[in-house]
PDB file of N, CA and C in Angstrom:
ATOM      1  N   UNK A   1       9.849 -13.886  16.667  1.00  0.00           N
ATOM      2  CA  UNK A   1       9.433 -12.729  15.914  1.00  0.00           C
ATOM      3  C   UNK A   1       9.084 -13.206  14.495  1.00  0.00           C
ATOM      4  N   UNK A   2       7.889 -12.848  14.050  1.00  0.00           N
ATOM      5  CA  UNK A   2       7.434 -13.216  12.711  1.00  0.00           C
ATOM      6  C   UNK A   2       7.021 -11.961  11.963  1.00  0.00           C
ATOM      7  N   UNK A   3       7.139 -12.040  10.649  1.00  0.00           N
ATOM      8  CA  UNK A   3       6.753 -10.937   9.799  1.00  0.00           C
ATOM      9  C   UNK A   3       5.640 -11.394   8.860  1.00  0.00           C
ATOM     10  N   UNK A   4       4.704 -10.519   8.608  1.00  0.00           N
ATOM     11  CA  UNK A   4       3.658 -10.784   7.641  1.00  0.00           C
ATOM     12  C   UNK A   4       3.656  -9.658   6.623  1.00  0.00           C
ATOM     13  N   UNK A   5       3.408 -10.006   5.374  1.00  0.00           N
ATOM     14  CA  UNK A   5       3.300  -9.017   4.318  1.00  0.00           C
ATOM     15  C   UNK A   5       1.869  -9.055   3.801  1.00  0.00           C
ATOM     16  N   UNK A   6       1.185  -7.933   3.860  1.00  0.00           N
ATOM     17  CA  UNK A   6      -0.194  -7.812   3.412  1.00  0.00           C
ATOM     18  C   UNK A   6      -0.218  -7.030   2.100  1.00  0.00           C
ATOM     19  N   UNK A   7      -1.112  -7.411   1.213  1.00  0.00           N
ATOM     20  CA  UNK A   7      -1.278  -6.711  -0.046  1.00  0.00           C
ATOM     21  C   UNK A   7      -2.626  -5.993  -0.012  1.00  0.00           C
ATOM     22  N   UNK A   8      -2.630  -4.697  -0.345  1.00  0.00           N
ATOM     23  CA  UNK A   8      -3.863  -3.924  -0.324  1.00  0.00           C
ATOM     24  C   UNK A   8      -4.029  -3.199  -1.662  1.00  0.00           C
ATOM     25  N   UNK A   9      -5.106  -3.544  -2.372  1.00  0.00           N
ATOM     26  CA  UNK A   9      -5.442  -2.884  -3.636  1.00  0.00           C
ATOM     27  C   UNK A   9      -5.997  -1.506  -3.339  1.00  0.00           C
ATOM     28  N   UNK A  10      -5.562  -0.512  -4.089  1.00  0.00           N
ATOM     29  CA  UNK A  10      -6.058   0.849  -3.891  1.00  0.00           C
ATOM     30  C   UNK A  10      -6.280   1.520  -5.241  1.00  0.00           C
ATOM     31  N   UNK A  11      -6.992   2.638  -5.189  1.00  0.00           N
ATOM     32  CA  UNK A  11      -7.054   3.561  -6.316  1.00  0.00           C
ATOM     33  C   UNK A  11      -6.942   4.962  -5.745  1.00  0.00           C
ATOM     34  N   UNK A  12      -6.755   5.936  -6.582  1.00  0.00           N
ATOM     35  CA  UNK A  12      -6.458   7.271  -6.066  1.00  0.00           C
ATOM     36  C   UNK A  12      -7.645   7.923  -5.347  1.00  0.00           C
ATOM     37  N   UNK A  13      -8.845   7.405  -5.537  1.00  0.00           N
ATOM     38  CA  UNK A  13     -10.017   8.002  -4.893  1.00  0.00           C
ATOM     39  C   UNK A  13     -10.146   7.594  -3.423  1.00  0.00           C
ATOM     40  N   UNK A  14      -9.716   6.378  -3.084  1.00  0.00           N
ATOM     41  CA  UNK A  14      -9.960   5.890  -1.732  1.00  0.00           C
ATOM     42  C   UNK A  14      -8.678   5.529  -0.970  1.00  0.00           C
ATOM     43  N   UNK A  15      -7.522   5.886  -1.463  1.00  0.00           N
ATOM     44  CA  UNK A  15      -6.253   5.406  -0.902  1.00  0.00           C
ATOM     45  C   UNK A  15      -6.057   5.806   0.563  1.00  0.00           C
ATOM     46  N   UNK A  16      -6.261   7.066   0.895  1.00  0.00           N
ATOM     47  CA  UNK A  16      -5.974   7.519   2.255  1.00  0.00           C
ATOM     48  C   UNK A  16      -6.900   6.870   3.275  1.00  0.00           C
ATOM     49  N   UNK A  17      -8.181   6.893   3.022  1.00  0.00           N
ATOM     50  CA  UNK A  17      -9.145   6.339   3.962  1.00  0.00           C
ATOM     51  C   UNK A  17      -8.989   4.829   4.105  1.00  0.00           C
ATOM     52  N   UNK A  18      -8.790   4.149   3.002  1.00  0.00           N
ATOM     53  CA  UNK A  18      -8.641   2.703   3.035  1.00  0.00           C
ATOM     54  C   UNK A  18      -7.368   2.284   3.786  1.00  0.00           C
ATOM     55  N   UNK A  19      -6.253   2.980   3.548  1.00  0.00           N
ATOM     56  CA  UNK A  19      -4.996   2.667   4.242  1.00  0.00           C
ATOM     57  C   UNK A  19      -5.129   2.940   5.731  1.00  0.00           C
ATOM     58  N   UNK A  20      -5.728   4.053   6.104  1.00  0.00           N
ATOM     59  CA  UNK A  20      -5.892   4.405   7.519  1.00  0.00           C
ATOM     60  C   UNK A  20      -6.708   3.345   8.241  1.00  0.00           C
ATOM     61  N   UNK A  21      -7.814   2.918   7.666  1.00  0.00           N
ATOM     62  CA  UNK A  21      -8.659   1.901   8.284  1.00  0.00           C
ATOM     63  C   UNK A  21      -7.922   0.569   8.407  1.00  0.00           C
ATOM     64  N   UNK A  22      -7.184   0.201   7.371  1.00  0.00           N
ATOM     65  CA  UNK A  22      -6.459  -1.052   7.386  1.00  0.00           C
ATOM     66  C   UNK A  22      -5.362  -1.071   8.450  1.00  0.00           C
ATOM     67  N   UNK A  23      -4.590   0.003   8.533  1.00  0.00           N
ATOM     68  CA  UNK A  23      -3.502   0.072   9.516  1.00  0.00           C
ATOM     69  C   UNK A  23      -4.021   0.056  10.945  1.00  0.00           C
ATOM     70  N   UNK A  24      -5.160   0.681  11.180  1.00  0.00           N
ATOM     71  CA  UNK A  24      -5.733   0.698  12.530  1.00  0.00           C
ATOM     72  C   UNK A  24      -6.228  -0.679  12.967  1.00  0.00           C
ATOM     73  N   UNK A  25      -6.533  -1.575  12.038  1.00  0.00           N
ATOM     74  CA  UNK A  25      -6.995  -2.920  12.370  1.00  0.00           C
ATOM     75  C   UNK A  25      -5.870  -3.891  12.662  1.00  0.00           C
ATOM     76  N   UNK A  26      -4.649  -3.579  12.243  1.00  0.00           N
ATOM     77  CA  UNK A  26      -3.536  -4.505  12.438  1.00  0.00           C
ATOM     78  C   UNK A  26      -3.123  -4.560  13.910  1.00  0.00           C
ATOM     79  N   UNK A  27      -2.717  -5.754  14.351  1.00  0.00           N
ATOM     80  CA  UNK A  27      -2.342  -5.978  15.750  1.00  0.00           C
ATOM     81  C   UNK A  27      -0.877  -5.695  16.005  1.00  0.00           C
ATOM     82  N   UNK A  28       0.001  -6.014  15.061  1.00  0.00           N
ATOM     83  CA  UNK A  28       1.436  -5.893  15.267  1.00  0.00           C
ATOM     84  C   UNK A  28       1.961  -4.500  14.930  1.00  0.00           C
ATOM     85  N   UNK A  29       3.294  -4.431  14.885  1.00  0.00           N
ATOM     86  CA  UNK A  29       3.988  -3.173  14.577  1.00  0.00           C
ATOM     87  C   UNK A  29       4.180  -3.064  13.067  1.00  0.00           C
ATOM     88  N   UNK A  30       3.822  -1.918  12.500  1.00  0.00           N
ATOM     89  CA  UNK A  30       3.975  -1.695  11.063  1.00  0.00           C
ATOM     90  C   UNK A  30       5.415  -1.248  10.805  1.00  0.00           C
ATOM     91  N   UNK A  31       6.115  -2.012   9.968  1.00  0.00           N
ATOM     92  CA  UNK A  31       7.494  -1.686   9.656  1.00  0.00           C
ATOM     93  C   UNK A  31       7.636  -0.842   8.406  1.00  0.00           C
ATOM     94  N   UNK A  32       6.790  -1.122   7.406  1.00  0.00           N
ATOM     95  CA  UNK A  32       6.957  -0.418   6.140  1.00  0.00           C
ATOM     96  C   UNK A  32       5.682  -0.499   5.312  1.00  0.00           C
ATOM     97  N   UNK A  33       5.457   0.524   4.501  1.00  0.00           N
ATOM     98  CA  UNK A  33       4.397   0.523   3.502  1.00  0.00           C
ATOM     99  C   UNK A  33       5.098   0.791   2.168  1.00  0.00           C
ATOM    100  N   UNK A  34       5.005  -0.177   1.260  1.00  0.00           N
ATOM    101  CA  UNK A  34       5.738  -0.108  -0.003  1.00  0.00           C
ATOM    102  C   UNK A  34       4.744   0.005  -1.144  1.00  0.00           C
ATOM    103  N   UNK A  35       4.795   1.102  -1.899  1.00  0.00           N
ATOM    104  CA  UNK A  35       3.912   1.221  -3.072  1.00  0.00           C
ATOM    105  C   UNK A  35       4.491   0.461  -4.267  1.00  0.00           C
ATOM    106  N   UNK A  36       3.642  -0.247  -4.979  1.00  0.00           N
ATOM    107  CA  UNK A  36       4.041  -0.935  -6.200  1.00  0.00           C
ATOM    108  C   UNK A  36       3.438  -0.151  -7.366  1.00  0.00           C
ATOM    109  N   UNK A  37       4.313   0.505  -8.127  1.00  0.00           N
ATOM    110  CA  UNK A  37       3.882   1.387  -9.210  1.00  0.00           C
ATOM    111  C   UNK A  37       4.186   0.745 -10.570  1.00  0.00           C
ATOM    112  N   UNK A  38       3.341   1.063 -11.528  1.00  0.00           N
ATOM    113  CA  UNK A  38       3.556   0.609 -12.908  1.00  0.00           C
ATOM    114  C   UNK A  38       3.556   1.827 -13.818  1.00  0.00           C
ATOM    115  N   UNK A  39       4.251   1.734 -14.933  1.00  0.00           N
ATOM    116  CA  UNK A  39       4.274   2.875 -15.853  1.00  0.00           C
ATOM    117  C   UNK A  39       2.907   3.116 -16.490  1.00  0.00           C
ATOM    118  N   UNK A  40       2.615   4.369 -16.747  1.00  0.00           N
ATOM    119  CA  UNK A  40       1.376   4.762 -17.424  1.00  0.00           C
ATOM    120  C   UNK A  40       1.694   5.884 -18.374  1.00  0.00           C
ATOM    121  N   UNK A  41       1.064   5.857 -19.522  1.00  0.00           N
ATOM    122  CA  UNK A  41       1.303   6.900 -20.512  1.00  0.00           C
ATOM    123  C   UNK A  41       0.085   7.811 -20.566  1.00  0.00           C
ATOM    124  N   UNK A  42       0.306   9.071 -20.305  1.00  0.00           N
ATOM    125  CA  UNK A  42      -0.758  10.077 -20.290  1.00  0.00           C
ATOM    126  C   UNK A  42      -0.607  10.995 -21.495  1.00  0.00           C
ATOM    127  N   UNK A  43      -1.560  11.867 -21.688  1.00  0.00           N
ATOM    128  CA  UNK A  43      -1.514  12.806 -22.812  1.00  0.00           C
ATOM    129  C   UNK A  43      -0.280  13.706 -22.767  1.00  0.00           C
ATOM    130  N   UNK A  44       0.138  14.066 -21.562  1.00  0.00           N
ATOM    131  CA  UNK A  44       1.276  14.978 -21.401  1.00  0.00           C
ATOM    132  C   UNK A  44       2.612  14.248 -21.253  1.00  0.00           C
ATOM    133  N   UNK A  45       2.595  12.932 -21.307  1.00  0.00           N
ATOM    134  CA  UNK A  45       3.850  12.185 -21.200  1.00  0.00           C
ATOM    135  C   UNK A  45       3.728  10.998 -20.281  1.00  0.00           C
ATOM    136  N   UNK A  46       4.859  10.431 -19.945  1.00  0.00           N
ATOM    137  CA  UNK A  46       4.892   9.238 -19.101  1.00  0.00           C
ATOM    138  C   UNK A  46       4.701   9.596 -17.631  1.00  0.00           C
ATOM    139  N   UNK A  47       4.088   8.682 -16.902  1.00  0.00           N
ATOM    140  CA  UNK A  47       3.846   8.845 -15.470  1.00  0.00           C
ATOM    141  C   UNK A  47       3.855   7.449 -14.846  1.00  0.00           C
ATOM    142  N   UNK A  48       3.478   7.362 -13.597  1.00  0.00           N
ATOM    143  CA  UNK A  48       3.335   6.051 -12.960  1.00  0.00           C
ATOM    144  C   UNK A  48       2.047   6.036 -12.155  1.00  0.00           C
ATOM    145  N   UNK A  49       1.518   4.840 -11.965  1.00  0.00           N
ATOM    146  CA  UNK A  49       0.278   4.650 -11.216  1.00  0.00           C
ATOM    147  C   UNK A  49       0.534   3.604 -10.153  1.00  0.00           C
ATOM    148  N   UNK A  50       0.118   3.876  -8.923  1.00  0.00           N
ATOM    149  CA  UNK A  50       0.255   2.900  -7.839  1.00  0.00           C
ATOM    150  C   UNK A  50      -0.881   1.903  -7.952  1.00  0.00           C
ATOM    151  N   UNK A  51      -0.528   0.646  -8.150  1.00  0.00           N
ATOM    152  CA  UNK A  51      -1.536  -0.402  -8.298  1.00  0.00           C
ATOM    153  C   UNK A  51      -1.963  -0.977  -6.944  1.00  0.00           C
ATOM    154  N   UNK A  52      -0.984  -1.212  -6.076  1.00  0.00           N
ATOM    155  CA  UNK A  52      -1.297  -1.754  -4.760  1.00  0.00           C
ATOM    156  C   UNK A  52      -0.164  -1.419  -3.799  1.00  0.00           C
ATOM    157  N   UNK A  53      -0.427  -1.665  -2.508  1.00  0.00           N
ATOM    158  CA  UNK A  53       0.557  -1.419  -1.449  1.00  0.00           C
ATOM    159  C   UNK A  53       0.911  -2.737  -0.784  1.00  0.00           C
ATOM    160  N   UNK A  54       2.181  -2.892  -0.445  1.00  0.00           N
ATOM    161  CA  UNK A  54       2.610  -4.006   0.403  1.00  0.00           C
ATOM    162  C   UNK A  54       2.874  -3.425   1.796  1.00  0.00           C
ATOM    163  N   UNK A  55       2.273  -4.024   2.793  1.00  0.00           N
ATOM    164  CA  UNK A  55       2.403  -3.555   4.177  1.00  0.00           C
ATOM    165  C   UNK A  55       3.117  -4.650   4.969  1.00  0.00           C
ATOM    166  N   UNK A  56       4.271  -4.299   5.538  1.00  0.00           N
ATOM    167  CA  UNK A  56       5.071  -5.247   6.298  1.00  0.00           C
ATOM    168  C   UNK A  56       4.759  -5.047   7.784  1.00  0.00           C
ATOM    169  N   UNK A  57       4.331  -6.123   8.421  1.00  0.00           N
ATOM    170  CA  UNK A  57       3.929  -6.073   9.839  1.00  0.00           C
ATOM    171  C   UNK A  57       4.777  -7.063  10.635  1.00  0.00           C
ATOM    172  N   UNK A  58       5.264  -6.635  11.799  1.00  0.00           N
ATOM    173  CA  UNK A  58       6.000  -7.519  12.708  1.00  0.00           C
ATOM    174  C   UNK A  58       5.016  -8.019  13.765  1.00  0.00           C
ATOM    175  N   UNK A  59       4.822  -9.342  13.799  1.00  0.00           N
ATOM    176  CA  UNK A  59       3.901  -9.949  14.744  1.00  0.00           C
ATOM    177  C   UNK A  59       4.621 -10.376  15.999  1.00  0.00           C
ATOM    178  N   UNK A  60       3.865 -10.544  17.053  1.00  0.00           N
ATOM    179  CA  UNK A  60       4.448 -10.987  18.325  1.00  0.00           C
ATOM    180  C   UNK A  60       4.555 -12.491  18.357  1.00  0.00           C
TER     181      UNK A  60
END
C-alpha cells in the first residue's frame, strides 16, 4: 500500500470544477483533501484565503 500526496493550485473562481476534474482522473482511493489557507486582511477585517489543496491518495 502506497500513498501519494498531490498539490493542486486553485482560486475561488475555478475551485469546484478544477477539483472535480482532478479527482475523477485519479486511479486510487482518495483519503483526504486538505486546504492550505493563509491569512488575508480585508477592508472589514481579517480573513483567510485558500492557496492550494493537498490531496492524499492511496495507491494499489
